[in-house]
Each structure stands twice: as C-alpha cells, then as structure tokens.
C-alpha cells in the first residue's frame, strides 16, 4: 500500500479546522506546569504549541516528515520528531499522552495503544479524539459511487482509516491495561472552507483511496463527488462534512 503523502501547507491553509476543533480537547487534557506531555500525530504543531503555552514540556511526534519540518519552523522552541506511533519506544516517561485527529489513520491500533501505555508514567492519562463509527460516511459513499459510475476500480485495501465504535475502542484500551474514565461518540458537522472546500478535502485526504488513478481521473472523481454531495452538503457558501468523533480519557494503572 502506498504511504499517505501529507501536504503541510495545504493542512495549515485549507484544513486548519483540524487544530481549531482540537482546542477543546486541550481543555480536557488540562496540561499543568512542567508536566511532560507527548503529542502523537501532532501535524504542524498548533496544538502542541497550545499545550506548551500552559507550561507543559511537550514532545510532538508525527509520521510525516513534512508536517514535522513545518512544526519545527513554526515553533522552534518546542521539540518535534518524525516518529511512527507504531514504533514509539518510551517507557514510563510521560504524565500524559495527547492525540487529536490522528489515531484513525493508524492501522496497527493495538501496537499503538500498547506503546502509548508504556510511554505513560503510572497514573498517567491518555486524552484523545479520533474519527469514530459513521465518520465521513457520506464522503466515503460518494467516492465509491463516483468510482463505480466512472468505471474506475474501488480497491478496499486502499481504505486508509479506522473508525471504531465506542465499545470496540474501549475494549482495545482496556485490553492494553487502561482504565477508561469516559469515552463517547458525537456528531460534529464540520465546515470545509470555501466553494472548493470538498475538493480541497479530497485532495488532502483521499490520496490512498485514489492512488491507482491518474491526475485526470482523480479530477473526474472529485467532480462527481461534488455533484453527488452538493444537494445535501453544500449549504449557503460552504460545504459541511459529516464528521463523527470518538473522544476518550483513559488512565494507566487505574490511578487518577
């Protein structure tokens, strides 16, 4: 499977809603002065910056070198590192692990959760939000319908995301040793900026699904998706994506 290619500039300028919506998750994390906090899937570093502004000592990690380079340029006072979450090797080092809009890109879920558990000190907390069951169902459906209508093959193995139910993810966390304080799924309709919002979203996030298509064929898929979704998801002068998010707080060793 082809690796996801991340465009850091597009992320910052067309998809800054990712970090803006994540600001409320920083409030849940409630970082304290001098706490050591690991931000897994930090992107271009905006939320790591928010956490550090509260006085915490932050390490931001992301699989994408482009994202990490952008984060280092924006926030040189914070430590950032290119790191696959499935290869984290910290032991009892962090008071908290934070992750926003990243876990659903990781297929080796049990390995990632195990690594995060190991990274935490006893009593440390894991605070995260990710795509959950039903997330972007309309967009996924439109991609499938568009490819079928255009006679392009839809390859199931290229589907890059993991959108679990509450029950499924709670079980994964508990199997790793976490005590789950709270976990819930909620709908969060998300505006995509401008008339080209859906197209920009597809360019940023559907690379894996469309990796076997030419540039011209991808443009055909984008246009077909816009046609299919516009009657329901284009409102006023912007697109609304049907996001469903899974948010949780869990503790290592059941200590709070």
Protein backbone atom coordinates (compact mmCIF):
# COMPACT_ATOMS: atom_id res chain seq x y z
CA UNK A 1 0.00 0.00 0.00
CA UNK A 2 1.27 3.46 -0.90
CA UNK A 3 2.07 5.69 2.06
CA UNK A 4 -0.07 8.75 2.66
CA UNK A 5 1.54 11.93 1.37
CA UNK A 6 0.86 14.92 3.59
CA UNK A 7 0.85 18.48 2.30
CA UNK A 8 1.79 20.64 5.30
CA UNK A 9 0.93 23.91 3.56
CA UNK A 10 -2.50 22.66 2.50
CA UNK A 11 -3.06 21.42 6.04
CA UNK A 12 -2.31 24.83 7.53
CA UNK A 13 -4.17 26.96 5.00
CA UNK A 14 -7.19 24.86 3.95
CA UNK A 15 -7.62 22.45 6.85
CA UNK A 16 -6.80 24.49 9.93
CA UNK A 17 -10.21 23.42 11.31
CA UNK A 18 -8.42 20.23 12.45
CA UNK A 19 -6.44 22.12 15.08
CA UNK A 20 -9.21 24.66 15.81
CA UNK A 21 -11.68 21.92 16.74
CA UNK A 22 -8.90 20.26 18.74
CA UNK A 23 -8.56 23.25 21.05
CA UNK A 24 -11.45 22.00 23.18
CA UNK A 25 -9.55 18.73 23.61
CA UNK A 26 -6.64 20.68 25.10
CA UNK A 27 -9.11 21.90 27.74
CA UNK A 28 -9.95 18.26 28.54
CA UNK A 29 -6.23 17.48 28.79
CA UNK A 30 -5.80 20.43 31.19
CA UNK A 31 -1.99 20.48 30.95
CA UNK A 32 -0.18 21.54 34.10
CA UNK A 33 3.06 23.43 34.66
CA UNK A 34 6.12 21.22 33.98
CA UNK A 35 4.10 18.14 33.05
CA UNK A 36 5.78 16.05 30.37
CA UNK A 37 3.29 15.51 27.54
CA UNK A 38 3.62 13.51 24.34
CA UNK A 39 1.54 14.71 21.35
CA UNK A 40 1.05 11.75 18.99
CA UNK A 41 0.23 12.78 15.42
CA UNK A 42 0.97 16.44 16.10
CA UNK A 43 0.73 17.61 12.47
CA UNK A 44 2.14 21.11 12.05
CA UNK A 45 2.29 21.66 15.79
CA UNK A 46 -0.54 24.06 16.61
CA UNK A 47 -1.97 22.04 19.50
CA UNK A 48 1.48 21.15 20.82
CA UNK A 49 2.02 24.91 20.96
CA UNK A 50 -1.26 25.37 22.87
CA UNK A 51 -0.19 22.71 25.36
CA UNK A 52 3.27 24.21 25.80
CA UNK A 53 1.71 27.63 26.38
CA UNK A 54 0.16 26.18 29.56
CA UNK A 55 3.65 25.47 30.89
CA UNK A 56 3.95 21.79 29.94
CA UNK A 57 7.07 20.25 28.41
CA UNK A 58 5.93 18.83 25.06
CA UNK A 59 7.35 16.42 22.52
CA UNK A 60 5.38 16.40 19.26
CA UNK A 61 5.64 13.34 17.02
CA UNK A 62 4.21 12.66 13.59
CA UNK A 63 4.72 10.06 10.87
CA UNK A 64 5.05 12.81 8.23
CA UNK A 65 8.43 14.45 7.93
CA UNK A 66 6.85 17.36 6.03
CA UNK A 67 4.49 18.03 8.94
CA UNK A 68 7.34 17.89 11.44
CA UNK A 69 9.51 20.26 9.38
CA UNK A 70 6.62 22.73 9.24
CA UNK A 71 6.07 22.39 13.01
CA UNK A 72 9.77 23.00 13.71
CA UNK A 73 9.74 26.13 11.57
CA UNK A 74 6.60 27.50 13.24
CA UNK A 75 7.50 26.62 16.84
CA UNK A 76 11.29 26.27 17.20
CA UNK A 77 11.03 26.40 20.99
CA UNK A 78 9.18 23.02 21.05
CA UNK A 79 10.77 19.64 20.38
CA UNK A 80 9.32 17.77 17.39
CA UNK A 81 10.33 14.40 16.00
CA UNK A 82 9.39 12.34 12.94
CA UNK A 83 8.12 9.11 14.50
CA UNK A 84 5.75 6.29 13.59
CA UNK A 85 3.38 5.76 16.53
CA UNK A 86 3.65 2.01 15.96
CA UNK A 87 7.38 2.31 16.72
CA UNK A 88 7.28 4.51 19.85
CA UNK A 89 9.70 3.12 22.44
CA UNK A 90 9.26 5.30 25.52
CA UNK A 91 8.94 3.75 28.99
CA UNK A 92 7.29 5.45 31.99
CA UNK A 93 8.30 8.91 30.77
CA UNK A 94 5.14 10.99 30.28
CA UNK A 95 2.47 12.40 32.55
CA UNK A 96 0.04 12.47 29.62
CA UNK A 97 -0.29 11.43 26.01
CA UNK A 98 -2.44 13.61 23.76
CA UNK A 99 -3.70 12.88 20.24
CA UNK A 100 -6.11 14.77 18.00
CA UNK A 101 -7.41 13.61 14.60
CA UNK A 102 -4.56 11.16 14.10
CA UNK A 103 -5.33 7.74 15.60
CA UNK A 104 -7.85 6.85 12.88
CA UNK A 105 -5.00 6.86 10.32
CA UNK A 106 -3.14 4.13 12.23
CA UNK A 107 -3.89 0.55 11.22
CA UNK A 108 -1.73 -1.10 13.93
CA UNK A 109 -4.10 0.02 16.68
CA UNK A 110 -3.17 -2.47 19.38
CA UNK A 111 0.55 -1.78 18.90
CA UNK A 112 -0.01 1.99 19.05
CA UNK A 113 -2.16 1.76 22.19
CA UNK A 114 0.38 -0.56 23.84
CA UNK A 115 3.22 1.87 23.03
CA UNK A 116 1.26 4.79 24.46
CA UNK A 117 0.51 2.81 27.62
CA UNK A 118 4.22 2.07 28.03
CA UNK A 119 5.14 5.74 27.45
CA UNK A 120 2.99 6.88 30.38
CA UNK A 121 4.03 7.05 34.00
CA UNK A 122 1.86 5.19 36.48
CA UNK A 123 -1.38 7.17 36.80
CA UNK A 124 -0.71 9.00 33.54
CA UNK A 125 -3.61 9.92 31.28
CA UNK A 126 -4.32 9.29 27.61
CA UNK A 127 -6.56 12.02 26.17
CA UNK A 128 -7.54 11.70 22.53
CA UNK A 129 -10.07 12.34 19.80
CA UNK A 130 -10.33 10.46 16.52
CA UNK A 131 -12.79 9.62 13.79
CA UNK A 132 -15.42 7.23 15.09
CA UNK A 133 -18.12 4.97 13.71
CA UNK A 134 -20.00 6.74 10.89
CA UNK A 135 -17.33 9.38 10.34
CA UNK A 136 -17.47 10.93 6.83
CA UNK A 137 -19.88 8.20 5.74
CA UNK A 138 -21.36 10.40 3.02
CA UNK A 139 -17.95 11.24 1.55
CA UNK A 140 -16.82 7.62 1.56
CA UNK A 141 -20.11 6.64 -0.10
CA UNK A 142 -19.70 9.35 -2.72
CA UNK A 143 -16.18 8.21 -3.51
CA UNK A 144 -17.38 4.64 -4.01
CA UNK A 145 -20.36 5.73 -6.13
CA UNK A 146 -18.23 8.07 -8.22
CA UNK A 147 -15.64 5.42 -8.99
CA UNK A 148 -18.36 2.94 -9.91
CA UNK A 149 -20.07 5.48 -12.19
CA UNK A 150 -16.77 6.29 -13.89
CA UNK A 151 -15.78 2.60 -14.24
CA UNK A 152 -12.73 3.02 -12.01
CA UNK A 153 -11.92 0.13 -9.65
CA UNK A 154 -12.55 0.73 -5.96
CA UNK A 155 -9.87 -1.18 -4.02
CA UNK A 156 -10.96 -1.95 -0.45
CA UNK A 157 -7.37 -2.44 0.73
CA UNK A 158 -6.63 1.20 -0.08
CA UNK A 159 -9.14 2.43 2.50
CA UNK A 160 -6.81 4.24 4.94
CA UNK A 161 -8.97 4.84 8.00
CA UNK A 162 -10.19 3.06 11.11
CA UNK A 163 -13.44 4.43 12.57
CA UNK A 164 -14.36 2.32 15.62
CA UNK A 165 -17.44 2.17 17.81
CA UNK A 166 -17.30 3.16 21.47
CA UNK A 167 -17.49 -0.47 22.58
CA UNK A 168 -14.78 -1.63 20.21
CA UNK A 169 -12.28 1.03 21.21
CA UNK A 170 -12.99 0.79 24.92
CA UNK A 171 -12.21 -2.91 24.69
CA UNK A 172 -8.91 -2.18 22.93
CA UNK A 173 -7.92 0.34 25.61
CA UNK A 174 -8.86 -1.98 28.46
CA UNK A 175 -7.04 -4.90 26.87
CA UNK A 176 -3.88 -2.78 26.90
CA UNK A 177 -4.33 -2.11 30.63
CA UNK A 178 -6.03 1.28 30.58
CA UNK A 179 -8.88 2.26 32.88
CA UNK A 180 -11.32 4.24 30.74
CA UNK A 181 -12.76 7.18 32.64
CA UNK A 182 -15.00 8.31 29.78
CA UNK A 183 -15.46 7.56 26.11
CA UNK A 184 -18.19 8.80 23.81
CA UNK A 185 -19.14 9.29 20.17
CA UNK A 186 -20.63 12.55 18.92
CA UNK A 187 -21.63 14.13 15.65
CA UNK A 188 -19.62 17.20 14.69
CA UNK A 189 -20.70 18.67 11.34
CA UNK A 190 -17.57 20.36 10.06
CA UNK A 191 -17.44 23.31 7.64
CA UNK A 192 -14.93 22.95 4.81
CA UNK A 193 -13.61 26.33 3.82
CA UNK A 194 -14.94 27.90 0.63
CA UNK A 195 -16.61 26.78 -2.57
CA UNK A 196 -13.72 24.39 -3.23
CA UNK A 197 -13.88 23.01 0.31
CA UNK A 198 -14.87 19.47 -0.63
CA UNK A 199 -12.37 19.31 -3.49
CA UNK A 200 -9.57 20.52 -1.20
CA UNK A 201 -10.60 17.95 1.40
CA UNK A 202 -10.48 15.18 -1.20
CA UNK A 203 -7.07 16.32 -2.47
CA UNK A 204 -5.72 16.26 1.08
CA UNK A 205 -7.30 13.10 2.45
CA UNK A 206 -8.32 10.71 -0.38
CA UNK A 207 -4.82 10.11 -1.73
CA UNK A 208 -4.72 6.50 -0.57
CA UNK A 209 -8.11 5.55 -1.96
CA UNK A 210 -7.32 7.12 -5.34
CA UNK A 211 -3.64 6.21 -5.52
CA UNK A 212 -4.12 3.97 -8.58
CA UNK A 213 -5.75 6.71 -10.65
CA UNK A 214 -4.13 9.31 -12.91
CA UNK A 215 -4.34 13.02 -12.13
CA UNK A 216 -7.06 13.43 -14.77
CA UNK A 217 -9.07 10.51 -13.36
CA UNK A 218 -8.81 11.93 -9.84
CA UNK A 219 -10.24 15.24 -11.07
CA UNK A 220 -13.17 13.31 -12.57
CA UNK A 221 -13.80 11.64 -9.21
CA UNK A 222 -13.63 14.98 -7.38
CA UNK A 223 -16.18 16.49 -9.76
CA UNK A 224 -18.52 13.51 -9.46
CA UNK A 225 -18.33 13.62 -5.66
CA UNK A 226 -19.23 17.32 -5.73
CA UNK A 227 -22.21 16.54 -7.95
CA UNK A 228 -23.44 13.77 -5.67
CA UNK A 229 -22.97 15.61 -2.38
CA UNK A 230 -23.88 19.19 -3.30
CA UNK A 231 -27.68 18.87 -2.82
CA UNK A 232 -27.25 17.81 0.81
CA UNK A 233 -23.86 19.01 2.00
CA UNK A 234 -23.35 22.39 0.30
CA UNK A 235 -25.13 25.00 2.38
CA UNK A 236 -25.00 28.71 1.71
CA UNK A 237 -21.46 29.18 0.53
CA UNK A 238 -19.65 26.28 2.17
CA UNK A 239 -19.51 22.51 2.35
CA UNK A 240 -20.37 20.67 5.56
CA UNK A 241 -18.65 17.33 6.20
CA UNK A 242 -20.45 14.70 8.29
CA UNK A 243 -17.82 14.13 10.96
CA UNK A 244 -18.41 11.75 13.88
CA UNK A 245 -15.76 11.89 16.56
CA UNK A 246 -14.74 9.46 19.27
CA UNK A 247 -13.28 11.17 22.34
CA UNK A 248 -11.89 9.49 25.45
CA UNK A 249 -9.88 9.89 28.64
CA UNK A 250 -8.11 6.81 29.99
CA UNK A 251 -5.60 6.22 32.77
CA UNK A 252 -2.65 3.91 33.20
CA UNK A 253 -2.93 1.58 36.21
CA UNK A 254 -6.36 2.98 37.03
CA UNK A 255 -4.87 5.84 39.04
CA UNK A 256 -6.33 9.36 38.73
